[in-house]
Amino acid sequence: LLTIYDMCKALDKGMCIGDIHLVEKTGGKSGDFHYNDHIEKSSGKD
């Protein structure tokens, strides 16, 4: 994303980078992670 900004900044410096997050991961002691499931659990607690 930073490279896209760098290559295009001559046209417009108002580009906005965001919403960078882990979507999912597998393996390891902590087990699998899925972002959407995590958000749903968090919303339920709220």
All heavy atoms as atom14 arrays in JSON, in Angstrom:
{
  "sequence": "LLTIYDMCKALDKGMCIGDIHLVEKTGGKSGDFHYNDHIEKSSGKD",
  "atom14_mask": [
    [1, 1, 1, 1, 1, 1, 1, 1, 0, 0, 0, 0, 0, 0],
    [1, 1, 1, 1, 1, 1, 1, 1, 0, 0, 0, 0, 0, 0],
    [1, 1, 1, 1, 1, 1, 1, 0, 0, 0, 0, 0, 0, 0],
    [1, 1, 1, 1, 1, 1, 1, 1, 0, 0, 0, 0, 0, 0],
    [1, 1, 1, 1, 1, 1, 1, 1, 1, 1, 1, 1, 0, 0],
    [1, 1, 1, 1, 1, 1, 1, 1, 0, 0, 0, 0, 0, 0],
    [1, 1, 1, 1, 1, 1, 1, 1, 0, 0, 0, 0, 0, 0],
    [1, 1, 1, 1, 1, 1, 0, 0, 0, 0, 0, 0, 0, 0],
    [1, 1, 1, 1, 1, 1, 1, 1, 1, 0, 0, 0, 0, 0],
    [1, 1, 1, 1, 1, 0, 0, 0, 0, 0, 0, 0, 0, 0],
    [1, 1, 1, 1, 1, 1, 1, 1, 0, 0, 0, 0, 0, 0],
    [1, 1, 1, 1, 1, 1, 1, 1, 0, 0, 0, 0, 0, 0],
    [1, 1, 1, 1, 1, 1, 1, 1, 1, 0, 0, 0, 0, 0],
    [1, 1, 1, 1, 0, 0, 0, 0, 0, 0, 0, 0, 0, 0],
    [1, 1, 1, 1, 1, 1, 1, 1, 0, 0, 0, 0, 0, 0],
    [1, 1, 1, 1, 1, 1, 0, 0, 0, 0, 0, 0, 0, 0],
    [1, 1, 1, 1, 1, 1, 1, 1, 0, 0, 0, 0, 0, 0],
    [1, 1, 1, 1, 0, 0, 0, 0, 0, 0, 0, 0, 0, 0],
    [1, 1, 1, 1, 1, 1, 1, 1, 0, 0, 0, 0, 0, 0],
    [1, 1, 1, 1, 1, 1, 1, 1, 0, 0, 0, 0, 0, 0],
    [1, 1, 1, 1, 1, 1, 1, 1, 1, 1, 0, 0, 0, 0],
    [1, 1, 1, 1, 1, 1, 1, 1, 0, 0, 0, 0, 0, 0],
    [1, 1, 1, 1, 1, 1, 1, 0, 0, 0, 0, 0, 0, 0],
    [1, 1, 1, 1, 1, 1, 1, 1, 1, 0, 0, 0, 0, 0],
    [1, 1, 1, 1, 1, 1, 1, 1, 1, 0, 0, 0, 0, 0],
    [1, 1, 1, 1, 1, 1, 1, 0, 0, 0, 0, 0, 0, 0],
    [1, 1, 1, 1, 0, 0, 0, 0, 0, 0, 0, 0, 0, 0],
    [1, 1, 1, 1, 0, 0, 0, 0, 0, 0, 0, 0, 0, 0],
    [1, 1, 1, 1, 1, 1, 1, 1, 1, 0, 0, 0, 0, 0],
    [1, 1, 1, 1, 1, 1, 0, 0, 0, 0, 0, 0, 0, 0],
    [1, 1, 1, 1, 0, 0, 0, 0, 0, 0, 0, 0, 0, 0],
    [1, 1, 1, 1, 1, 1, 1, 1, 0, 0, 0, 0, 0, 0],
    [1, 1, 1, 1, 1, 1, 1, 1, 1, 1, 1, 0, 0, 0],
    [1, 1, 1, 1, 1, 1, 1, 1, 1, 1, 0, 0, 0, 0],
    [1, 1, 1, 1, 1, 1, 1, 1, 1, 1, 1, 1, 0, 0],
    [1, 1, 1, 1, 1, 1, 1, 1, 0, 0, 0, 0, 0, 0],
    [1, 1, 1, 1, 1, 1, 1, 1, 0, 0, 0, 0, 0, 0],
    [1, 1, 1, 1, 1, 1, 1, 1, 1, 1, 0, 0, 0, 0],
    [1, 1, 1, 1, 1, 1, 1, 1, 0, 0, 0, 0, 0, 0],
    [1, 1, 1, 1, 1, 1, 1, 1, 1, 0, 0, 0, 0, 0],
    [1, 1, 1, 1, 1, 1, 1, 1, 1, 0, 0, 0, 0, 0],
    [1, 1, 1, 1, 1, 1, 0, 0, 0, 0, 0, 0, 0, 0],
    [1, 1, 1, 1, 1, 1, 0, 0, 0, 0, 0, 0, 0, 0],
    [1, 1, 1, 1, 0, 0, 0, 0, 0, 0, 0, 0, 0, 0],
    [1, 1, 1, 1, 1, 1, 1, 1, 1, 0, 0, 0, 0, 0],
    [1, 1, 1, 1, 1, 1, 1, 1, 0, 0, 0, 0, 0, 0]
  ],
  "atom14_positions": [
    [[0.83, -1.22, 0.0], [0.0, 0.0, 0.0], [0.86, 1.26, 0.0], [0.52, 2.25, -0.68], [-0.94, -0.01, 1.2], [-1.97, -1.14, 1.24], [-2.78, -1.09, 2.53], [-2.9, -1.07, 0.03], [0.0, 0.0, 0.0], [0.0, 0.0, 0.0], [0.0, 0.0, 0.0], [0.0, 0.0, 0.0], [0.0, 0.0, 0.0], [0.0, 0.0, 0.0]],
    [[1.94, 1.24, 0.74], [2.85, 2.4, 0.74], [3.47, 2.62, -0.63], [3.7, 3.76, -1.05], [3.94, 2.21, 1.8], [3.49, 2.37, 3.25], [4.59, 1.9, 4.2], [3.1, 3.81, 3.55], [0.0, 0.0, 0.0], [0.0, 0.0, 0.0], [0.0, 0.0, 0.0], [0.0, 0.0, 0.0], [0.0, 0.0, 0.0], [0.0, 0.0, 0.0]],
    [[3.73, 1.53, -1.33], [4.29, 1.64, -2.68], [3.28, 2.26, -3.64], [3.65, 3.08, -4.49], [4.74, 0.26, -3.19], [5.74, -0.26, -2.31], [5.3, 0.35, -4.6], [0.0, 0.0, 0.0], [0.0, 0.0, 0.0], [0.0, 0.0, 0.0], [0.0, 0.0, 0.0], [0.0, 0.0, 0.0], [0.0, 0.0, 0.0], [0.0, 0.0, 0.0]],
    [[2.02, 1.87, -3.51], [0.98, 2.49, -4.33], [0.94, 4.0, -4.07], [0.88, 4.81, -5.0], [-0.39, 1.86, -4.05], [-0.42, 0.41, -4.52], [-1.51, 2.66, -4.74], [-1.69, -0.33, -4.15], [0.0, 0.0, 0.0], [0.0, 0.0, 0.0], [0.0, 0.0, 0.0], [0.0, 0.0, 0.0], [0.0, 0.0, 0.0], [0.0, 0.0, 0.0]],
    [[1.0, 4.37, -2.8], [1.0, 5.8, -2.46], [2.2, 6.5, -3.09], [2.07, 7.57, -3.7], [1.03, 5.99, -0.94], [0.86, 7.43, -0.51], [-0.37, 7.91, -0.1], [1.93, 8.32, -0.56], [-0.54, 9.24, 0.27], [1.78, 9.65, -0.21], [0.54, 10.1, 0.21], [0.38, 11.41, 0.56], [0.0, 0.0, 0.0], [0.0, 0.0, 0.0]],
    [[3.37, 5.9, -2.95], [4.59, 6.52, -3.46], [4.52, 6.72, -4.97], [4.92, 7.76, -5.49], [5.8, 5.65, -3.11], [7.09, 6.21, -3.68], [7.43, 7.36, -3.35], [7.74, 5.51, -4.47], [0.0, 0.0, 0.0], [0.0, 0.0, 0.0], [0.0, 0.0, 0.0], [0.0, 0.0, 0.0], [0.0, 0.0, 0.0], [0.0, 0.0, 0.0]],
    [[4.0, 5.74, -5.69], [3.96, 5.82, -7.14], [2.9, 6.8, -7.65], [3.0, 7.3, -8.78], [3.74, 4.44, -7.74], [4.9, 3.48, -7.49], [4.77, 1.97, -8.45], [5.09, 2.58, -10.11], [0.0, 0.0, 0.0], [0.0, 0.0, 0.0], [0.0, 0.0, 0.0], [0.0, 0.0, 0.0], [0.0, 0.0, 0.0], [0.0, 0.0, 0.0]],
    [[1.89, 7.06, -6.83], [0.77, 7.89, -7.29], [0.71, 9.27, -6.65], [-0.16, 10.09, -7.0], [-0.56, 7.17, -7.03], [-0.72, 5.59, -7.87], [0.0, 0.0, 0.0], [0.0, 0.0, 0.0], [0.0, 0.0, 0.0], [0.0, 0.0, 0.0], [0.0, 0.0, 0.0], [0.0, 0.0, 0.0], [0.0, 0.0, 0.0], [0.0, 0.0, 0.0]],
    [[1.61, 9.57, -5.72], [1.5, 10.81, -4.95], [1.66, 12.06, -5.81], [1.22, 13.15, -5.41], [2.49, 10.83, -3.8], [3.96, 10.86, -4.18], [4.82, 10.83, -2.92], [6.3, 10.97, -3.25], [6.82, 9.8, -4.02], [0.0, 0.0, 0.0], [0.0, 0.0, 0.0], [0.0, 0.0, 0.0], [0.0, 0.0, 0.0], [0.0, 0.0, 0.0]],
    [[2.28, 11.95, -6.99], [2.41, 13.11, -7.86], [1.05, 13.58, -8.37], [0.86, 14.77, -8.66], [3.33, 12.78, -9.03], [0.0, 0.0, 0.0], [0.0, 0.0, 0.0], [0.0, 0.0, 0.0], [0.0, 0.0, 0.0], [0.0, 0.0, 0.0], [0.0, 0.0, 0.0], [0.0, 0.0, 0.0], [0.0, 0.0, 0.0], [0.0, 0.0, 0.0]],
    [[0.1, 12.65, -8.48], [-1.25, 13.01, -8.93], [-2.11, 13.56, -7.82], [-2.91, 14.47, -8.01], [-1.93, 11.79, -9.56], [-1.31, 11.22, -10.84], [-2.1, 10.0, -11.31], [-1.28, 12.3, -11.93], [0.0, 0.0, 0.0], [0.0, 0.0, 0.0], [0.0, 0.0, 0.0], [0.0, 0.0, 0.0], [0.0, 0.0, 0.0], [0.0, 0.0, 0.0]],
    [[-1.96, 12.96, -6.62], [-2.8, 13.38, -5.5], [-2.2, 12.84, -4.21], [-2.02, 11.63, -4.06], [-4.23, 12.85, -5.67], [-5.12, 13.22, -4.51], [-4.78, 14.16, -3.77], [-6.16, 12.55, -4.34], [0.0, 0.0, 0.0], [0.0, 0.0, 0.0], [0.0, 0.0, 0.0], [0.0, 0.0, 0.0], [0.0, 0.0, 0.0], [0.0, 0.0, 0.0]],
    [[-1.9, 13.73, -3.27], [-1.33, 13.31, -2.0], [-2.39, 13.04, -0.94], [-2.08, 12.78, 0.22], [-0.34, 14.37, -1.49], [0.9, 14.5, -2.37], [1.84, 15.56, -1.85], [3.13, 15.61, -2.66], [2.9, 15.88, -4.09], [0.0, 0.0, 0.0], [0.0, 0.0, 0.0], [0.0, 0.0, 0.0], [0.0, 0.0, 0.0], [0.0, 0.0, 0.0]],
    [[-3.66, 13.12, -1.33], [-4.74, 12.92, -0.38], [-5.2, 11.49, -0.23], [-6.26, 11.22, 0.35], [0.0, 0.0, 0.0], [0.0, 0.0, 0.0], [0.0, 0.0, 0.0], [0.0, 0.0, 0.0], [0.0, 0.0, 0.0], [0.0, 0.0, 0.0], [0.0, 0.0, 0.0], [0.0, 0.0, 0.0], [0.0, 0.0, 0.0], [0.0, 0.0, 0.0]],
    [[-4.43, 10.54, -0.73], [-4.79, 9.12, -0.6], [-4.79, 8.73, 0.88], [-4.01, 9.26, 1.68], [-3.81, 8.25, -1.37], [-3.89, 8.38, -2.88], [-2.53, 7.49, -3.7], [-1.16, 8.62, -3.45], [0.0, 0.0, 0.0], [0.0, 0.0, 0.0], [0.0, 0.0, 0.0], [0.0, 0.0, 0.0], [0.0, 0.0, 0.0], [0.0, 0.0, 0.0]],
    [[-5.64, 7.78, 1.23], [-5.77, 7.37, 2.63], [-5.58, 5.86, 2.75], [-6.27, 5.08, 2.09], [-7.15, 7.77, 3.16], [-7.42, 7.31, 4.88], [0.0, 0.0, 0.0], [0.0, 0.0, 0.0], [0.0, 0.0, 0.0], [0.0, 0.0, 0.0], [0.0, 0.0, 0.0], [0.0, 0.0, 0.0], [0.0, 0.0, 0.0], [0.0, 0.0, 0.0]],
    [[-4.64, 5.45, 3.59], [-4.37, 4.04, 3.84], [-5.01, 3.64, 5.17], [-4.89, 4.36, 6.16], [-2.86, 3.76, 3.88], [-2.24, 4.01, 2.51], [-2.57, 2.33, 4.35], [-0.72, 3.91, 2.49], [0.0, 0.0, 0.0], [0.0, 0.0, 0.0], [0.0, 0.0, 0.0], [0.0, 0.0, 0.0], [0.0, 0.0, 0.0], [0.0, 0.0, 0.0]],
    [[-5.66, 2.49, 5.2], [-6.29, 2.07, 6.45], [-6.81, 0.65, 6.42], [-6.61, -0.08, 5.45], [0.0, 0.0, 0.0], [0.0, 0.0, 0.0], [0.0, 0.0, 0.0], [0.0, 0.0, 0.0], [0.0, 0.0, 0.0], [0.0, 0.0, 0.0], [0.0, 0.0, 0.0], [0.0, 0.0, 0.0], [0.0, 0.0, 0.0], [0.0, 0.0, 0.0]],
    [[-7.49, 0.29, 7.51], [-8.14, -1.01, 7.65], [-7.15, -2.16, 7.47], [-7.48, -3.21, 6.93], [-9.29, -1.14, 6.65], [-10.21, -2.31, 6.98], [-10.32, -2.63, 8.17], [-10.8, -2.9, 6.06], [0.0, 0.0, 0.0], [0.0, 0.0, 0.0], [0.0, 0.0, 0.0], [0.0, 0.0, 0.0], [0.0, 0.0, 0.0], [0.0, 0.0, 0.0]],
    [[-5.92, -1.96, 7.93], [-4.92, -3.04, 7.86], [-5.13, -3.96, 9.05], [-5.07, -3.52, 10.2], [-3.49, -2.47, 7.86], [-3.27, -1.57, 6.63], [-2.46, -3.6, 7.89], [-1.93, -0.85, 6.63], [0.0, 0.0, 0.0], [0.0, 0.0, 0.0], [0.0, 0.0, 0.0], [0.0, 0.0, 0.0], [0.0, 0.0, 0.0], [0.0, 0.0, 0.0]],
    [[-5.39, -5.22, 8.79], [-5.62, -6.15, 9.9], [-5.37, -7.59, 9.47], [-5.35, -7.91, 8.28], [-7.05, -6.01, 10.44], [-8.12, -6.38, 9.46], [-8.63, -5.48, 8.55], [-8.76, -7.56, 9.24], [-9.55, -6.09, 7.82], [-9.64, -7.35, 8.21], [0.0, 0.0, 0.0], [0.0, 0.0, 0.0], [0.0, 0.0, 0.0], [0.0, 0.0, 0.0]],
    [[-5.2, -8.43, 10.46], [-5.05, -9.87, 10.24], [-6.42, -10.46, 9.95], [-7.37, -10.27, 10.71], [-4.44, -10.53, 11.48], [-4.18, -12.03, 11.39], [-3.05, -12.31, 10.4], [-3.82, -12.59, 12.76], [0.0, 0.0, 0.0], [0.0, 0.0, 0.0], [0.0, 0.0, 0.0], [0.0, 0.0, 0.0], [0.0, 0.0, 0.0], [0.0, 0.0, 0.0]],
    [[-6.54, -11.15, 8.84], [-7.81, -11.78, 8.46], [-7.94, -13.16, 9.1], [-8.97, -13.5, 9.68], [-7.93, -11.9, 6.93], [-9.23, -12.6, 6.53], [-7.85, -10.52, 6.28], [0.0, 0.0, 0.0], [0.0, 0.0, 0.0], [0.0, 0.0, 0.0], [0.0, 0.0, 0.0], [0.0, 0.0, 0.0], [0.0, 0.0, 0.0], [0.0, 0.0, 0.0]],
    [[-6.87, -13.93, 9.0], [-6.87, -15.25, 9.62], [-5.45, -15.75, 9.78], [-4.53, -15.3, 9.1], [-7.67, -16.25, 8.79], [-7.08, -16.51, 7.4], [-7.9, -17.5, 6.59], [-9.13, -17.53, 6.79], [-7.32, -18.22, 5.76], [0.0, 0.0, 0.0], [0.0, 0.0, 0.0], [0.0, 0.0, 0.0], [0.0, 0.0, 0.0], [0.0, 0.0, 0.0]],
    [[-5.29, -16.69, 10.71], [-4.0, -17.35, 10.86], [-4.26, -18.77, 11.33], [-5.26, -19.07, 12.0], [-3.1, -16.6, 11.84], [-3.41, -16.78, 13.32], [-2.5, -17.82, 13.93], [-2.72, -17.97, 15.43], [-1.92, -19.08, 16.01], [0.0, 0.0, 0.0], [0.0, 0.0, 0.0], [0.0, 0.0, 0.0], [0.0, 0.0, 0.0], [0.0, 0.0, 0.0]],
    [[-3.35, -19.69, 10.95], [-3.48, -21.08, 11.35], [-2.15, -21.58, 11.89], [-1.09, -21.05, 11.56], [-3.88, -21.99, 10.16], [-2.83, -21.97, 9.17], [-5.17, -21.52, 9.52], [0.0, 0.0, 0.0], [0.0, 0.0, 0.0], [0.0, 0.0, 0.0], [0.0, 0.0, 0.0], [0.0, 0.0, 0.0], [0.0, 0.0, 0.0], [0.0, 0.0, 0.0]],
    [[-2.22, -22.6, 12.73], [-1.02, -23.21, 13.28], [-0.61, -22.6, 14.6], [-1.05, -21.51, 14.98], [0.0, 0.0, 0.0], [0.0, 0.0, 0.0], [0.0, 0.0, 0.0], [0.0, 0.0, 0.0], [0.0, 0.0, 0.0], [0.0, 0.0, 0.0], [0.0, 0.0, 0.0], [0.0, 0.0, 0.0], [0.0, 0.0, 0.0], [0.0, 0.0, 0.0]],
    [[0.22, -23.31, 15.32], [0.74, -22.79, 16.58], [-0.1, -23.15, 17.78], [-1.23, -23.62, 17.68], [0.0, 0.0, 0.0], [0.0, 0.0, 0.0], [0.0, 0.0, 0.0], [0.0, 0.0, 0.0], [0.0, 0.0, 0.0], [0.0, 0.0, 0.0], [0.0, 0.0, 0.0], [0.0, 0.0, 0.0], [0.0, 0.0, 0.0], [0.0, 0.0, 0.0]],
    [[0.46, -22.9, 18.96], [-0.18, -23.24, 20.23], [-1.5, -22.53, 20.45], [-2.44, -23.09, 21.01], [0.79, -22.92, 21.37], [0.26, -23.31, 22.75], [1.29, -22.98, 23.81], [0.76, -23.31, 25.21], [1.77, -22.98, 26.25], [0.0, 0.0, 0.0], [0.0, 0.0, 0.0], [0.0, 0.0, 0.0], [0.0, 0.0, 0.0], [0.0, 0.0, 0.0]],
    [[-1.59, -21.28, 19.99], [-2.81, -20.49, 20.22], [-3.95, -20.89, 19.31], [-5.08, -20.43, 19.47], [-2.52, -19.0, 20.06], [-2.12, -18.71, 18.72], [0.0, 0.0, 0.0], [0.0, 0.0, 0.0], [0.0, 0.0, 0.0], [0.0, 0.0, 0.0], [0.0, 0.0, 0.0], [0.0, 0.0, 0.0], [0.0, 0.0, 0.0], [0.0, 0.0, 0.0]],
    [[-3.68, -21.74, 18.31], [-4.74, -22.21, 17.43], [-5.06, -21.24, 16.31], [-4.34, -20.27, 16.08], [0.0, 0.0, 0.0], [0.0, 0.0, 0.0], [0.0, 0.0, 0.0], [0.0, 0.0, 0.0], [0.0, 0.0, 0.0], [0.0, 0.0, 0.0], [0.0, 0.0, 0.0], [0.0, 0.0, 0.0], [0.0, 0.0, 0.0], [0.0, 0.0, 0.0]],
    [[-6.16, -21.51, 15.64], [-6.56, -20.7, 14.5], [-7.23, -19.4, 14.96], [-7.81, -19.33, 16.04], [-7.51, -21.48, 13.59], [-6.84, -22.7, 12.97], [-5.61, -22.82, 13.12], [-7.54, -23.51, 12.36], [0.0, 0.0, 0.0], [0.0, 0.0, 0.0], [0.0, 0.0, 0.0], [0.0, 0.0, 0.0], [0.0, 0.0, 0.0], [0.0, 0.0, 0.0]],
    [[-7.15, -18.4, 14.09], [-7.8, -17.11, 14.35], [-8.51, -16.67, 13.09], [-7.96, -16.76, 11.99], [-6.76, -16.05, 14.74], [-7.28, -14.64, 14.74], [-7.88, -14.1, 15.87], [-7.17, -13.85, 13.6], [-8.37, -12.79, 15.86], [-7.66, -12.55, 13.58], [-8.26, -12.02, 14.71], [0.0, 0.0, 0.0], [0.0, 0.0, 0.0], [0.0, 0.0, 0.0]],
    [[-9.74, -16.19, 13.24], [-10.5, -15.66, 12.13], [-11.09, -14.32, 12.56], [-11.83, -14.24, 13.54], [-11.61, -16.62, 11.71], [-11.11, -17.95, 11.24], [-10.6, -18.16, 9.97], [-10.99, -19.14, 11.89], [-10.21, -19.41, 9.85], [-10.42, -20.03, 11.0], [0.0, 0.0, 0.0], [0.0, 0.0, 0.0], [0.0, 0.0, 0.0], [0.0, 0.0, 0.0]],
    [[-10.75, -13.28, 11.84], [-11.12, -11.91, 12.22], [-12.62, -11.73, 12.38], [-13.08, -11.15, 13.36], [-10.59, -10.94, 11.16], [-10.89, -9.48, 11.43], [-10.13, -8.76, 12.34], [-11.92, -8.83, 10.75], [-10.39, -7.43, 12.59], [-12.19, -7.49, 10.99], [-11.43, -6.8, 11.92], [-11.7, -5.47, 12.16], [0.0, 0.0, 0.0], [0.0, 0.0, 0.0]],
    [[-13.4, -12.24, 11.44], [-14.86, -12.05, 11.5], [-15.45, -12.69, 12.74], [-16.34, -12.12, 13.39], [-15.53, -12.6, 10.24], [-15.25, -11.75, 9.02], [-14.94, -10.57, 9.13], [-15.32, -12.35, 7.84], [0.0, 0.0, 0.0], [0.0, 0.0, 0.0], [0.0, 0.0, 0.0], [0.0, 0.0, 0.0], [0.0, 0.0, 0.0], [0.0, 0.0, 0.0]],
    [[-14.97, -13.88, 13.1], [-15.46, -14.55, 14.31], [-15.11, -13.73, 15.54], [-15.9, -13.62, 16.48], [-14.85, -15.95, 14.43], [-15.32, -16.89, 13.35], [-16.34, -16.57, 12.7], [-14.67, -17.93, 13.14], [0.0, 0.0, 0.0], [0.0, 0.0, 0.0], [0.0, 0.0, 0.0], [0.0, 0.0, 0.0], [0.0, 0.0, 0.0], [0.0, 0.0, 0.0]],
    [[-13.91, -13.15, 15.55], [-13.45, -12.36, 16.68], [-14.31, -11.11, 16.84], [-14.66, -10.72, 17.96], [-11.99, -11.99, 16.46], [-11.23, -11.77, 17.72], [-11.28, -12.63, 18.79], [-10.38, -10.78, 18.1], [-10.51, -12.19, 19.76], [-9.95, -11.06, 19.36], [0.0, 0.0, 0.0], [0.0, 0.0, 0.0], [0.0, 0.0, 0.0], [0.0, 0.0, 0.0]],
    [[-14.66, -10.46, 15.73], [-15.48, -9.26, 15.77], [-16.88, -9.59, 16.3], [-17.46, -8.86, 17.1], [-15.59, -8.61, 14.36], [-14.25, -7.96, 13.99], [-16.69, -7.58, 14.33], [-13.86, -6.8, 14.86], [0.0, 0.0, 0.0], [0.0, 0.0, 0.0], [0.0, 0.0, 0.0], [0.0, 0.0, 0.0], [0.0, 0.0, 0.0], [0.0, 0.0, 0.0]],
    [[-17.44, -10.71, 15.84], [-18.77, -11.11, 16.28], [-18.79, -11.37, 17.79], [-19.72, -10.97, 18.49], [-19.22, -12.36, 15.53], [-19.55, -12.09, 14.06], [-19.88, -13.36, 13.3], [-19.94, -14.43, 13.94], [-20.08, -13.29, 12.08], [0.0, 0.0, 0.0], [0.0, 0.0, 0.0], [0.0, 0.0, 0.0], [0.0, 0.0, 0.0], [0.0, 0.0, 0.0]],
    [[-17.76, -12.03, 18.3], [-17.69, -12.28, 19.74], [-17.56, -10.98, 20.51], [-18.17, -10.8, 21.56], [-16.49, -13.18, 20.04], [-16.65, -14.61, 19.55], [-15.41, -15.44, 19.88], [-15.55, -16.86, 19.34], [-14.33, -17.66, 19.61], [0.0, 0.0, 0.0], [0.0, 0.0, 0.0], [0.0, 0.0, 0.0], [0.0, 0.0, 0.0], [0.0, 0.0, 0.0]],
    [[-16.76, -10.06, 19.97], [-16.57, -8.77, 20.64], [-17.88, -7.97, 20.66], [-18.22, -7.37, 21.67], [-15.49, -7.97, 19.9], [-15.38, -6.67, 20.43], [0.0, 0.0, 0.0], [0.0, 0.0, 0.0], [0.0, 0.0, 0.0], [0.0, 0.0, 0.0], [0.0, 0.0, 0.0], [0.0, 0.0, 0.0], [0.0, 0.0, 0.0], [0.0, 0.0, 0.0]],
    [[-18.6, -7.98, 19.55], [-19.88, -7.25, 19.49], [-20.88, -7.83, 20.47], [-21.63, -7.1, 21.12], [-20.45, -7.33, 18.06], [-19.57, -6.73, 17.13], [0.0, 0.0, 0.0], [0.0, 0.0, 0.0], [0.0, 0.0, 0.0], [0.0, 0.0, 0.0], [0.0, 0.0, 0.0], [0.0, 0.0, 0.0], [0.0, 0.0, 0.0], [0.0, 0.0, 0.0]],
    [[-20.87, -9.15, 20.63], [-21.76, -9.78, 21.57], [-21.48, -9.37, 23.0], [-22.39, -9.14, 23.79], [0.0, 0.0, 0.0], [0.0, 0.0, 0.0], [0.0, 0.0, 0.0], [0.0, 0.0, 0.0], [0.0, 0.0, 0.0], [0.0, 0.0, 0.0], [0.0, 0.0, 0.0], [0.0, 0.0, 0.0], [0.0, 0.0, 0.0], [0.0, 0.0, 0.0]],
    [[-20.18, -9.23, 23.35], [-19.82, -8.8, 24.69], [-20.25, -7.36, 24.94], [-20.65, -6.99, 26.04], [-18.31, -8.94, 24.88], [-17.84, -10.38, 24.95], [-16.33, -10.46, 25.11], [-15.86, -11.9, 25.15], [-14.38, -12.0, 25.28], [0.0, 0.0, 0.0], [0.0, 0.0, 0.0], [0.0, 0.0, 0.0], [0.0, 0.0, 0.0], [0.0, 0.0, 0.0]],
    [[-20.14, -6.51, 23.9], [-20.56, -5.1, 24.06], [-22.04, -5.01, 24.37], [-22.48, -4.16, 25.14], [-20.24, -4.32, 22.78], [-18.82, -3.79, 22.77], [-18.17, -3.84, 23.83], [-18.36, -3.35, 21.71], [0.0, 0.0, 0.0], [0.0, 0.0, 0.0], [0.0, 0.0, 0.0], [0.0, 0.0, 0.0], [0.0, 0.0, 0.0], [0.0, 0.0, 0.0]]
  ]
}
